[in-house]
Amino acid sequence: RPSHPNNNQSDWMRALASSSPGRLVFLSTMAAAFEVVQRPALKDNYAFLLHDAATGCTAAIDTPEVGPILQVLKEQKWRLTHILNTHHHWDHTGGNAELCAAFPEVEVVAPAKEVGKIDPKVDTPVAGGDTVRVGSLDLQVIDVGGHTLGHVAYYGPALKAAFVGDSIFAMGCGRMFEGRCVVSKSFFLDATRTCT
């Protein structure tokens, strides 16, 4: 569920206006094109793919269901190079094993605090303050622990968008399965400072 942390709605509205349903095209300040494709998955989730046209790199942000991800990859003729997991719950990692089998070279990036809970592998464990690179796009890792203690979000300043998993929704935040509201409050304060 992408969240748009700054209040510059004109950029966001231009992106929406130039996009087809389920597909958003963002232009960075470097004039490189990045695309974000969103598809429904499971009964109440979404699959997001982030593509860097300049390098051909494509990341799946969480893998709730393999079918929608493979469909976008096939339609667009993209290759999956990265999986970015926000947290360990099955509805965000359920497609990892099948996608890793189909794309053996894929790099799996996931919260360092949840490495042992994510199958079949984690190549790059991350924590708040780290930076992940997908092609030419840098994504800042933000600690958003609360829904799960290791939950992270990925913020792309060039996209002016964040991929927040189950930490922020339109009307609130995800259930606090492992964390407490105090932890979540610190996330909102950190995210506001990082994303503005």
N, C-alpha and C. Protein backbone atom coordinates (compact mmCIF):
# COMPACT_ATOMS: atom_id res chain seq x y z
N ARG A 1 0.84 -1.17 0.00
CA ARG A 1 0.00 0.00 0.00
C ARG A 1 0.89 1.23 0.00
N PRO A 2 1.08 1.90 -1.14
CA PRO A 2 2.01 3.02 -1.13
C PRO A 2 1.44 4.19 -0.35
N SER A 3 2.29 4.82 0.40
CA SER A 3 1.91 6.01 1.15
C SER A 3 2.73 7.16 0.60
N HIS A 4 2.15 8.29 0.48
CA HIS A 4 2.85 9.43 -0.10
C HIS A 4 3.08 10.45 0.99
N PRO A 5 4.31 10.43 1.56
CA PRO A 5 4.57 11.13 2.80
C PRO A 5 4.64 12.64 2.70
N ASN A 6 4.95 13.18 1.53
CA ASN A 6 5.00 14.63 1.50
C ASN A 6 3.66 15.18 1.02
N ASN A 7 3.50 16.45 1.14
CA ASN A 7 2.22 17.05 0.78
C ASN A 7 2.23 17.66 -0.62
N ASN A 8 3.21 17.34 -1.44
CA ASN A 8 3.28 17.88 -2.78
C ASN A 8 2.37 17.06 -3.69
N GLN A 9 1.08 17.35 -3.63
CA GLN A 9 0.12 16.55 -4.37
C GLN A 9 0.18 16.79 -5.86
N SER A 10 0.77 17.89 -6.32
CA SER A 10 0.80 18.13 -7.75
C SER A 10 1.63 17.06 -8.46
N ASP A 11 2.77 16.63 -7.89
CA ASP A 11 3.57 15.56 -8.49
C ASP A 11 2.78 14.27 -8.53
N TRP A 12 2.12 13.95 -7.42
CA TRP A 12 1.34 12.73 -7.33
C TRP A 12 0.18 12.76 -8.32
N MET A 13 -0.49 13.89 -8.44
CA MET A 13 -1.62 13.99 -9.35
C MET A 13 -1.16 13.87 -10.80
N ARG A 14 0.01 14.47 -11.13
CA ARG A 14 0.53 14.31 -12.49
C ARG A 14 0.83 12.84 -12.78
N ALA A 15 1.39 12.13 -11.80
CA ALA A 15 1.69 10.71 -11.98
C ALA A 15 0.41 9.93 -12.23
N LEU A 16 -0.64 10.23 -11.46
CA LEU A 16 -1.91 9.54 -11.65
C LEU A 16 -2.52 9.86 -13.01
N ALA A 17 -2.46 11.11 -13.40
CA ALA A 17 -3.07 11.53 -14.66
C ALA A 17 -2.41 10.87 -15.86
N SER A 18 -1.10 10.58 -15.76
CA SER A 18 -0.40 10.00 -16.89
C SER A 18 -0.34 8.48 -16.83
N SER A 19 -1.10 7.88 -15.95
CA SER A 19 -1.01 6.44 -15.73
C SER A 19 -2.33 5.76 -16.07
N SER A 20 -2.21 4.49 -16.42
CA SER A 20 -3.40 3.69 -16.62
C SER A 20 -3.77 3.03 -15.29
N PRO A 21 -4.97 2.47 -15.17
CA PRO A 21 -5.37 1.86 -13.89
C PRO A 21 -4.38 0.79 -13.44
N GLY A 22 -3.98 0.86 -12.18
CA GLY A 22 -3.06 -0.11 -11.62
C GLY A 22 -1.61 0.10 -12.00
N ARG A 23 -1.32 1.17 -12.72
CA ARG A 23 0.04 1.42 -13.19
C ARG A 23 0.36 2.90 -12.99
N LEU A 24 1.41 3.17 -12.26
CA LEU A 24 1.82 4.54 -12.02
C LEU A 24 3.21 4.73 -12.59
N VAL A 25 3.43 5.82 -13.27
CA VAL A 25 4.75 6.13 -13.84
C VAL A 25 5.28 7.35 -13.12
N PHE A 26 6.44 7.20 -12.50
CA PHE A 26 7.07 8.30 -11.78
C PHE A 26 8.32 8.73 -12.52
N LEU A 27 8.58 10.01 -12.56
CA LEU A 27 9.83 10.51 -13.12
C LEU A 27 10.65 11.10 -12.00
N SER A 28 11.90 10.70 -11.93
CA SER A 28 12.76 11.23 -10.87
C SER A 28 13.39 12.52 -11.33
N THR A 29 14.12 13.15 -10.42
CA THR A 29 14.81 14.39 -10.76
C THR A 29 15.96 14.12 -11.72
N MET A 30 16.38 12.86 -11.84
CA MET A 30 17.46 12.52 -12.75
C MET A 30 16.91 12.19 -14.13
N ALA A 31 15.62 12.33 -14.34
CA ALA A 31 14.94 12.06 -15.60
C ALA A 31 14.95 10.58 -15.96
N ALA A 32 15.23 9.72 -15.03
CA ALA A 32 15.11 8.28 -15.27
C ALA A 32 13.68 7.86 -14.93
N ALA A 33 13.13 6.99 -15.73
CA ALA A 33 11.73 6.58 -15.50
C ALA A 33 11.69 5.37 -14.58
N PHE A 34 10.81 5.44 -13.60
CA PHE A 34 10.52 4.33 -12.72
C PHE A 34 9.02 4.08 -12.80
N GLU A 35 8.65 2.82 -12.80
CA GLU A 35 7.23 2.48 -12.84
C GLU A 35 6.87 1.66 -11.61
N VAL A 36 5.68 1.89 -11.09
CA VAL A 36 5.13 1.09 -10.02
C VAL A 36 3.82 0.51 -10.52
N VAL A 37 3.72 -0.82 -10.48
CA VAL A 37 2.51 -1.50 -10.90
C VAL A 37 1.90 -2.15 -9.67
N GLN A 38 0.63 -1.92 -9.46
CA GLN A 38 -0.11 -2.47 -8.32
C GLN A 38 -1.20 -3.40 -8.85
N ARG A 39 -1.25 -4.62 -8.30
CA ARG A 39 -2.28 -5.58 -8.67
C ARG A 39 -2.90 -6.19 -7.42
N PRO A 40 -4.20 -6.43 -7.43
CA PRO A 40 -4.83 -7.10 -6.30
C PRO A 40 -4.24 -8.50 -6.12
N ALA A 41 -4.12 -8.91 -4.86
CA ALA A 41 -3.63 -10.25 -4.54
C ALA A 41 -4.39 -10.75 -3.32
N LEU A 42 -4.54 -12.06 -3.25
CA LEU A 42 -5.34 -12.67 -2.20
C LEU A 42 -6.70 -11.99 -2.19
N LYS A 43 -7.36 -11.93 -1.06
CA LYS A 43 -8.67 -11.28 -1.02
C LYS A 43 -8.60 -9.84 -0.58
N ASP A 44 -7.52 -9.48 0.12
CA ASP A 44 -7.47 -8.14 0.71
C ASP A 44 -6.07 -7.54 0.71
N ASN A 45 -5.29 -7.85 -0.31
CA ASN A 45 -3.91 -7.39 -0.34
C ASN A 45 -3.56 -6.91 -1.74
N TYR A 46 -2.33 -6.46 -1.92
CA TYR A 46 -1.85 -6.01 -3.21
C TYR A 46 -0.44 -6.51 -3.44
N ALA A 47 -0.12 -6.72 -4.70
CA ALA A 47 1.25 -6.99 -5.12
C ALA A 47 1.74 -5.73 -5.80
N PHE A 48 2.95 -5.29 -5.43
CA PHE A 48 3.56 -4.11 -6.04
C PHE A 48 4.84 -4.52 -6.74
N LEU A 49 5.02 -4.03 -7.95
CA LEU A 49 6.27 -4.21 -8.65
C LEU A 49 6.84 -2.83 -8.98
N LEU A 50 8.11 -2.68 -8.74
CA LEU A 50 8.83 -1.43 -8.99
C LEU A 50 9.85 -1.72 -10.08
N HIS A 51 9.80 -0.97 -11.17
CA HIS A 51 10.68 -1.24 -12.31
C HIS A 51 11.50 0.00 -12.66
N ASP A 52 12.78 -0.21 -12.85
CA ASP A 52 13.70 0.84 -13.29
C ASP A 52 13.96 0.61 -14.78
N ALA A 53 13.39 1.45 -15.63
CA ALA A 53 13.50 1.28 -17.07
C ALA A 53 14.95 1.39 -17.55
N ALA A 54 15.75 2.21 -16.89
CA ALA A 54 17.13 2.42 -17.32
C ALA A 54 17.99 1.17 -17.17
N THR A 55 17.76 0.40 -16.11
CA THR A 55 18.61 -0.77 -15.84
C THR A 55 17.90 -2.09 -16.08
N GLY A 56 16.58 -2.07 -16.17
CA GLY A 56 15.82 -3.30 -16.33
C GLY A 56 15.57 -4.04 -15.03
N CYS A 57 16.00 -3.48 -13.91
CA CYS A 57 15.78 -4.13 -12.61
C CYS A 57 14.32 -3.98 -12.19
N THR A 58 13.79 -5.06 -11.61
CA THR A 58 12.41 -5.05 -11.13
C THR A 58 12.35 -5.69 -9.75
N ALA A 59 11.69 -5.00 -8.84
CA ALA A 59 11.51 -5.51 -7.48
C ALA A 59 10.04 -5.77 -7.21
N ALA A 60 9.77 -6.89 -6.55
CA ALA A 60 8.45 -7.15 -5.99
C ALA A 60 8.52 -6.71 -4.54
N ILE A 61 7.67 -5.79 -4.16
CA ILE A 61 7.62 -5.37 -2.76
C ILE A 61 6.58 -6.26 -2.10
N ASP A 62 7.06 -7.21 -1.31
CA ASP A 62 6.26 -8.27 -0.71
C ASP A 62 5.73 -9.19 -1.80
N THR A 63 5.42 -10.42 -1.40
CA THR A 63 4.98 -11.44 -2.37
C THR A 63 3.75 -12.17 -1.85
N PRO A 64 2.62 -11.48 -1.77
CA PRO A 64 1.43 -12.10 -1.20
C PRO A 64 0.92 -13.28 -2.02
N GLU A 65 1.07 -13.18 -3.34
CA GLU A 65 0.55 -14.20 -4.24
C GLU A 65 1.39 -14.15 -5.52
N VAL A 66 1.78 -15.31 -6.02
CA VAL A 66 2.70 -15.37 -7.16
C VAL A 66 2.02 -15.02 -8.48
N GLY A 67 0.79 -15.45 -8.69
CA GLY A 67 0.11 -15.26 -9.97
C GLY A 67 0.12 -13.82 -10.47
N PRO A 68 -0.34 -12.86 -9.68
CA PRO A 68 -0.35 -11.47 -10.16
C PRO A 68 1.05 -10.93 -10.47
N ILE A 69 2.05 -11.36 -9.70
CA ILE A 69 3.42 -10.90 -9.94
C ILE A 69 3.93 -11.46 -11.27
N LEU A 70 3.75 -12.77 -11.48
CA LEU A 70 4.20 -13.38 -12.74
C LEU A 70 3.45 -12.78 -13.94
N GLN A 71 2.18 -12.45 -13.75
CA GLN A 71 1.39 -11.87 -14.84
C GLN A 71 1.98 -10.53 -15.28
N VAL A 72 2.30 -9.67 -14.32
CA VAL A 72 2.89 -8.37 -14.66
C VAL A 72 4.25 -8.56 -15.33
N LEU A 73 5.07 -9.43 -14.77
CA LEU A 73 6.40 -9.67 -15.36
C LEU A 73 6.28 -10.14 -16.80
N LYS A 74 5.33 -11.03 -17.07
CA LYS A 74 5.12 -11.53 -18.43
C LYS A 74 4.60 -10.44 -19.35
N GLU A 75 3.57 -9.72 -18.90
CA GLU A 75 2.97 -8.66 -19.72
C GLU A 75 3.99 -7.59 -20.10
N GLN A 76 4.82 -7.21 -19.15
CA GLN A 76 5.76 -6.11 -19.36
C GLN A 76 7.12 -6.57 -19.92
N LYS A 77 7.32 -7.90 -19.94
CA LYS A 77 8.61 -8.47 -20.35
C LYS A 77 9.74 -7.99 -19.43
N TRP A 78 9.43 -7.99 -18.14
CA TRP A 78 10.40 -7.61 -17.12
C TRP A 78 10.99 -8.86 -16.49
N ARG A 79 12.18 -8.74 -15.90
CA ARG A 79 12.77 -9.84 -15.14
C ARG A 79 12.82 -9.42 -13.67
N LEU A 80 12.51 -10.36 -12.81
CA LEU A 80 12.52 -10.09 -11.37
C LEU A 80 13.95 -10.16 -10.86
N THR A 81 14.43 -9.07 -10.29
CA THR A 81 15.80 -9.03 -9.77
C THR A 81 15.83 -8.92 -8.25
N HIS A 82 14.75 -8.42 -7.64
CA HIS A 82 14.72 -8.21 -6.19
C HIS A 82 13.35 -8.56 -5.61
N ILE A 83 13.37 -9.06 -4.40
CA ILE A 83 12.16 -9.16 -3.56
C ILE A 83 12.46 -8.34 -2.32
N LEU A 84 11.61 -7.37 -2.02
CA LEU A 84 11.76 -6.56 -0.82
C LEU A 84 10.62 -6.89 0.13
N ASN A 85 10.91 -7.65 1.16
CA ASN A 85 9.89 -7.99 2.14
C ASN A 85 9.84 -6.94 3.23
N THR A 86 8.62 -6.54 3.62
CA THR A 86 8.46 -5.56 4.69
C THR A 86 8.41 -6.23 6.06
N HIS A 87 7.88 -7.47 6.11
CA HIS A 87 7.80 -8.22 7.36
C HIS A 87 7.53 -9.68 7.06
N HIS A 88 7.53 -10.53 8.07
CA HIS A 88 7.53 -11.98 7.87
C HIS A 88 6.17 -12.62 7.68
N HIS A 89 5.07 -11.95 7.82
CA HIS A 89 3.76 -12.61 7.72
C HIS A 89 3.56 -13.26 6.35
N TRP A 90 2.85 -14.40 6.36
CA TRP A 90 2.68 -15.20 5.14
C TRP A 90 2.06 -14.42 3.99
N ASP A 91 1.18 -13.46 4.30
CA ASP A 91 0.54 -12.72 3.22
C ASP A 91 1.46 -11.64 2.63
N HIS A 92 2.71 -11.61 3.07
CA HIS A 92 3.72 -10.71 2.50
C HIS A 92 4.95 -11.47 2.02
N THR A 93 5.07 -12.75 2.39
CA THR A 93 6.22 -13.56 1.99
C THR A 93 5.81 -14.87 1.32
N GLY A 94 4.52 -15.11 1.17
CA GLY A 94 4.02 -16.39 0.70
C GLY A 94 4.51 -16.80 -0.68
N GLY A 95 4.89 -15.85 -1.51
CA GLY A 95 5.37 -16.17 -2.85
C GLY A 95 6.88 -16.24 -2.97
N ASN A 96 7.59 -15.98 -1.89
CA ASN A 96 9.06 -15.95 -1.96
C ASN A 96 9.65 -17.24 -2.53
N ALA A 97 9.29 -18.39 -1.98
CA ALA A 97 9.91 -19.66 -2.40
C ALA A 97 9.69 -19.93 -3.88
N GLU A 98 8.46 -19.75 -4.36
CA GLU A 98 8.17 -20.02 -5.77
C GLU A 98 8.90 -19.03 -6.68
N LEU A 99 8.94 -17.77 -6.29
CA LEU A 99 9.64 -16.77 -7.11
C LEU A 99 11.15 -16.99 -7.10
N CYS A 100 11.70 -17.40 -5.96
CA CYS A 100 13.14 -17.70 -5.89
C CYS A 100 13.48 -18.91 -6.76
N ALA A 101 12.57 -19.87 -6.84
CA ALA A 101 12.79 -21.04 -7.70
C ALA A 101 12.73 -20.64 -9.18
N ALA A 102 11.80 -19.75 -9.52
CA ALA A 102 11.63 -19.31 -10.91
C ALA A 102 12.73 -18.34 -11.35
N PHE A 103 13.26 -17.57 -10.39
CA PHE A 103 14.29 -16.58 -10.67
C PHE A 103 15.45 -16.79 -9.69
N PRO A 104 16.31 -17.78 -9.92
CA PRO A 104 17.34 -18.14 -8.94
C PRO A 104 18.30 -17.00 -8.60
N GLU A 105 18.43 -16.03 -9.47
CA GLU A 105 19.36 -14.92 -9.24
C GLU A 105 18.73 -13.79 -8.42
N VAL A 106 17.45 -13.90 -8.08
CA VAL A 106 16.76 -12.83 -7.36
C VAL A 106 17.41 -12.58 -6.00
N GLU A 107 17.53 -11.32 -5.64
CA GLU A 107 18.06 -10.92 -4.34
C GLU A 107 16.90 -10.65 -3.40
N VAL A 108 16.87 -11.36 -2.28
CA VAL A 108 15.80 -11.17 -1.30
C VAL A 108 16.31 -10.25 -0.20
N VAL A 109 15.62 -9.13 -0.03
CA VAL A 109 15.94 -8.13 0.99
C VAL A 109 14.82 -8.18 2.01
N ALA A 110 15.18 -8.25 3.29
CA ALA A 110 14.15 -8.39 4.32
C ALA A 110 14.67 -7.86 5.65
N PRO A 111 13.75 -7.61 6.60
CA PRO A 111 14.17 -7.09 7.90
C PRO A 111 15.15 -8.02 8.62
N ALA A 112 16.24 -7.46 9.09
CA ALA A 112 17.26 -8.23 9.79
C ALA A 112 16.68 -8.94 11.01
N LYS A 113 15.74 -8.31 11.70
CA LYS A 113 15.15 -8.90 12.90
C LYS A 113 14.23 -10.08 12.59
N GLU A 114 13.94 -10.32 11.31
CA GLU A 114 12.98 -11.37 10.95
C GLU A 114 13.57 -12.41 10.00
N VAL A 115 14.89 -12.41 9.84
CA VAL A 115 15.54 -13.31 8.89
C VAL A 115 15.14 -14.77 9.09
N GLY A 116 15.12 -15.25 10.31
CA GLY A 116 14.80 -16.64 10.59
C GLY A 116 13.35 -17.01 10.33
N LYS A 117 12.51 -16.04 10.09
CA LYS A 117 11.08 -16.28 9.89
C LYS A 117 10.68 -16.21 8.42
N ILE A 118 11.63 -15.92 7.54
CA ILE A 118 11.33 -15.73 6.11
C ILE A 118 12.03 -16.82 5.31
N ASP A 119 11.22 -17.61 4.57
CA ASP A 119 11.75 -18.70 3.75
C ASP A 119 11.70 -18.31 2.29
N PRO A 120 12.54 -18.85 1.42
CA PRO A 120 13.57 -19.82 1.73
C PRO A 120 14.91 -19.20 2.09
N LYS A 121 15.07 -17.88 1.83
CA LYS A 121 16.37 -17.26 2.08
C LYS A 121 16.19 -15.76 2.24
N VAL A 122 17.17 -15.13 2.86
CA VAL A 122 17.29 -13.68 2.86
C VAL A 122 18.74 -13.39 2.50
N ASP A 123 18.95 -12.72 1.39
CA ASP A 123 20.31 -12.39 0.94
C ASP A 123 20.84 -11.15 1.62
N THR A 124 19.96 -10.17 1.81
CA THR A 124 20.37 -8.88 2.35
C THR A 124 19.46 -8.49 3.50
N PRO A 125 19.91 -8.69 4.75
CA PRO A 125 19.11 -8.23 5.89
C PRO A 125 19.28 -6.72 6.06
N VAL A 126 18.18 -6.03 6.33
CA VAL A 126 18.22 -4.57 6.47
C VAL A 126 17.55 -4.12 7.75
N ALA A 127 17.88 -2.91 8.15
CA ALA A 127 17.29 -2.28 9.33
C ALA A 127 17.13 -0.79 9.04
N GLY A 128 16.38 -0.11 9.90
CA GLY A 128 16.19 1.32 9.75
C GLY A 128 17.51 2.05 9.58
N GLY A 129 17.57 2.97 8.62
CA GLY A 129 18.79 3.72 8.34
C GLY A 129 19.59 3.16 7.18
N ASP A 130 19.33 1.92 6.78
CA ASP A 130 20.01 1.33 5.63
C ASP A 130 19.43 1.89 4.33
N THR A 131 20.16 1.69 3.25
CA THR A 131 19.69 2.05 1.91
C THR A 131 19.75 0.81 1.03
N VAL A 132 18.71 0.58 0.26
CA VAL A 132 18.64 -0.53 -0.68
C VAL A 132 18.62 0.07 -2.08
N ARG A 133 19.37 -0.53 -2.99
CA ARG A 133 19.39 -0.04 -4.36
C ARG A 133 18.71 -1.06 -5.27
N VAL A 134 17.74 -0.58 -6.05
CA VAL A 134 17.09 -1.38 -7.09
C VAL A 134 17.40 -0.67 -8.39
N GLY A 135 18.33 -1.21 -9.16
CA GLY A 135 18.78 -0.53 -10.36
C GLY A 135 19.44 0.78 -9.98
N SER A 136 18.92 1.88 -10.49
CA SER A 136 19.48 3.19 -10.16
C SER A 136 18.68 3.92 -9.08
N LEU A 137 17.72 3.22 -8.48
CA LEU A 137 16.85 3.84 -7.49
C LEU A 137 17.28 3.45 -6.08
N ASP A 138 17.52 4.44 -5.24
CA ASP A 138 17.83 4.19 -3.83
C ASP A 138 16.55 4.26 -3.02
N LEU A 139 16.38 3.26 -2.16
CA LEU A 139 15.24 3.22 -1.24
C LEU A 139 15.78 3.25 0.17
N GLN A 140 15.29 4.18 0.97
CA GLN A 140 15.68 4.28 2.37
C GLN A 140 14.84 3.31 3.18
N VAL A 141 15.50 2.59 4.09
CA VAL A 141 14.80 1.64 4.95
C VAL A 141 14.42 2.37 6.24
N ILE A 142 13.16 2.26 6.61
CA ILE A 142 12.65 2.91 7.82
C ILE A 142 12.14 1.82 8.76
N ASP A 143 12.56 1.87 10.02
CA ASP A 143 12.06 0.94 11.03
C ASP A 143 10.63 1.33 11.38
N VAL A 144 9.69 0.41 11.14
CA VAL A 144 8.28 0.68 11.45
C VAL A 144 7.71 -0.42 12.35
N GLY A 145 8.57 -0.96 13.21
CA GLY A 145 8.17 -2.06 14.08
C GLY A 145 6.91 -1.74 14.89
N GLY A 146 6.06 -2.72 15.03
CA GLY A 146 4.79 -2.57 15.75
C GLY A 146 3.85 -3.68 15.31
N HIS A 147 3.51 -3.70 14.04
CA HIS A 147 2.71 -4.79 13.48
C HIS A 147 3.48 -6.09 13.70
N THR A 148 4.76 -6.08 13.33
CA THR A 148 5.74 -7.07 13.78
C THR A 148 6.92 -6.25 14.28
N LEU A 149 7.71 -6.80 15.17
CA LEU A 149 8.80 -6.02 15.76
C LEU A 149 9.87 -5.63 14.74
N GLY A 150 10.05 -6.44 13.72
CA GLY A 150 11.08 -6.13 12.73
C GLY A 150 10.59 -5.43 11.49
N HIS A 151 9.32 -5.12 11.41
CA HIS A 151 8.69 -4.52 10.21
C HIS A 151 9.49 -3.30 9.74
N VAL A 152 9.74 -3.25 8.41
CA VAL A 152 10.39 -2.09 7.81
C VAL A 152 9.54 -1.56 6.66
N ALA A 153 9.78 -0.32 6.29
CA ALA A 153 9.18 0.29 5.11
C ALA A 153 10.32 0.73 4.20
N TYR A 154 10.02 0.87 2.92
CA TYR A 154 11.02 1.30 1.94
C TYR A 154 10.53 2.62 1.33
N TYR A 155 11.32 3.67 1.50
CA TYR A 155 10.95 5.00 1.01
C TYR A 155 11.87 5.40 -0.14
N GLY A 156 11.28 5.76 -1.26
CA GLY A 156 12.03 6.21 -2.43
C GLY A 156 11.87 7.70 -2.61
N PRO A 157 12.85 8.51 -2.19
CA PRO A 157 12.73 9.96 -2.36
C PRO A 157 12.47 10.37 -3.82
N ALA A 158 13.10 9.68 -4.79
CA ALA A 158 12.89 10.02 -6.20
C ALA A 158 11.46 9.71 -6.63
N LEU A 159 10.83 8.73 -5.99
CA LEU A 159 9.44 8.38 -6.30
C LEU A 159 8.45 9.23 -5.52
N LYS A 160 8.94 9.79 -4.41
CA LYS A 160 8.05 10.48 -3.46
C LYS A 160 6.95 9.53 -3.00
N ALA A 161 7.37 8.28 -2.74
CA ALA A 161 6.44 7.25 -2.30
C ALA A 161 7.15 6.30 -1.35
N ALA A 162 6.36 5.68 -0.48
CA ALA A 162 6.89 4.69 0.45
C ALA A 162 6.06 3.42 0.36
N PHE A 163 6.71 2.29 0.50
CA PHE A 163 6.05 0.99 0.53
C PHE A 163 6.08 0.55 1.98
N VAL A 164 4.92 0.52 2.61
CA VAL A 164 4.86 0.44 4.07
C VAL A 164 4.29 -0.86 4.61
N GLY A 165 4.01 -1.84 3.75
CA GLY A 165 3.49 -3.12 4.22
C GLY A 165 2.21 -2.94 5.01
N ASP A 166 2.21 -3.43 6.24
CA ASP A 166 1.03 -3.34 7.09
C ASP A 166 1.22 -2.33 8.22
N SER A 167 2.00 -1.29 8.00
CA SER A 167 2.23 -0.32 9.07
C SER A 167 1.34 0.91 8.96
N ILE A 168 0.92 1.28 7.76
CA ILE A 168 0.05 2.45 7.58
C ILE A 168 -1.04 2.08 6.59
N PHE A 169 -2.27 2.45 6.92
CA PHE A 169 -3.40 2.28 6.02
C PHE A 169 -4.08 3.63 5.88
N ALA A 170 -5.02 3.72 4.98
CA ALA A 170 -5.70 4.99 4.74
C ALA A 170 -6.34 5.55 6.00
N MET A 171 -6.84 4.68 6.87
CA MET A 171 -7.54 5.15 8.06
C MET A 171 -6.82 4.76 9.35
N GLY A 172 -5.53 4.47 9.29
CA GLY A 172 -4.82 4.12 10.52
C GLY A 172 -3.62 3.25 10.27
N CYS A 173 -3.31 2.41 11.22
CA CYS A 173 -2.14 1.54 11.10
C CYS A 173 -2.56 0.09 11.26
N GLY A 174 -1.65 -0.83 10.89
CA GLY A 174 -1.93 -2.26 11.02
C GLY A 174 -2.02 -2.67 12.47
N ARG A 175 -2.63 -3.81 12.71
CA ARG A 175 -2.75 -4.33 14.07
C ARG A 175 -1.38 -4.48 14.71
N MET A 176 -1.32 -4.22 16.00
CA MET A 176 -0.07 -4.37 16.74
C MET A 176 0.03 -5.80 17.25
N PHE A 177 0.48 -6.71 16.41
CA PHE A 177 0.60 -8.11 16.81
C PHE A 177 1.77 -8.33 17.77
N GLU A 178 2.88 -7.67 17.53
CA GLU A 178 4.08 -7.90 18.32
C GLU A 178 4.55 -6.67 19.06
N GLY A 179 4.15 -5.49 18.60
CA GLY A 179 4.63 -4.25 19.19
C GLY A 179 3.60 -3.61 20.09
N ARG A 180 3.94 -2.42 20.52
CA ARG A 180 3.03 -1.63 21.36
C ARG A 180 2.85 -0.27 20.71
N CYS A 181 1.84 0.46 21.12
CA CYS A 181 1.56 1.77 20.53
C CYS A 181 2.73 2.73 20.72
N VAL A 182 3.49 2.61 21.79
CA VAL A 182 4.64 3.48 22.01
C VAL A 182 5.65 3.30 20.88
N VAL A 183 5.89 2.04 20.49
CA VAL A 183 6.79 1.75 19.37
C VAL A 183 6.25 2.39 18.11
N SER A 184 4.96 2.22 17.86
CA SER A 184 4.36 2.76 16.66
C SER A 184 4.44 4.28 16.62
N LYS A 185 4.26 4.93 17.76
CA LYS A 185 4.34 6.39 17.79
C LYS A 185 5.74 6.85 17.39
N SER A 186 6.77 6.15 17.84
CA SER A 186 8.13 6.53 17.45
C SER A 186 8.32 6.36 15.96
N PHE A 187 7.67 5.33 15.35
CA PHE A 187 7.75 5.15 13.91
C PHE A 187 7.18 6.36 13.18
N PHE A 188 5.99 6.81 13.58
CA PHE A 188 5.39 7.93 12.89
C PHE A 188 6.25 9.18 12.99
N LEU A 189 6.86 9.40 14.13
CA LEU A 189 7.75 10.56 14.27
C LEU A 189 8.97 10.41 13.38
N ASP A 190 9.59 9.22 13.35
CA ASP A 190 10.77 8.98 12.50
C ASP A 190 10.40 9.09 11.04
N ALA A 191 9.26 8.51 10.65
CA ALA A 191 8.85 8.54 9.25
C ALA A 191 8.60 9.96 8.79
N THR A 192 8.01 10.77 9.63
CA THR A 192 7.75 12.16 9.26
C THR A 192 9.06 12.91 9.02
N ARG A 193 10.04 12.68 9.87
CA ARG A 193 11.33 13.34 9.68
C ARG A 193 12.03 12.84 8.43
N THR A 194 11.97 11.53 8.16
CA THR A 194 12.66 10.93 7.02
C THR A 194 12.02 11.34 5.69
N CYS A 195 10.72 11.38 5.65
CA CYS A 195 10.01 11.52 4.38
C CYS A 195 9.65 12.95 4.00
N THR A 196 10.06 13.92 4.80
CA THR A 196 9.71 15.30 4.44
C THR A 196 10.93 16.08 4.01
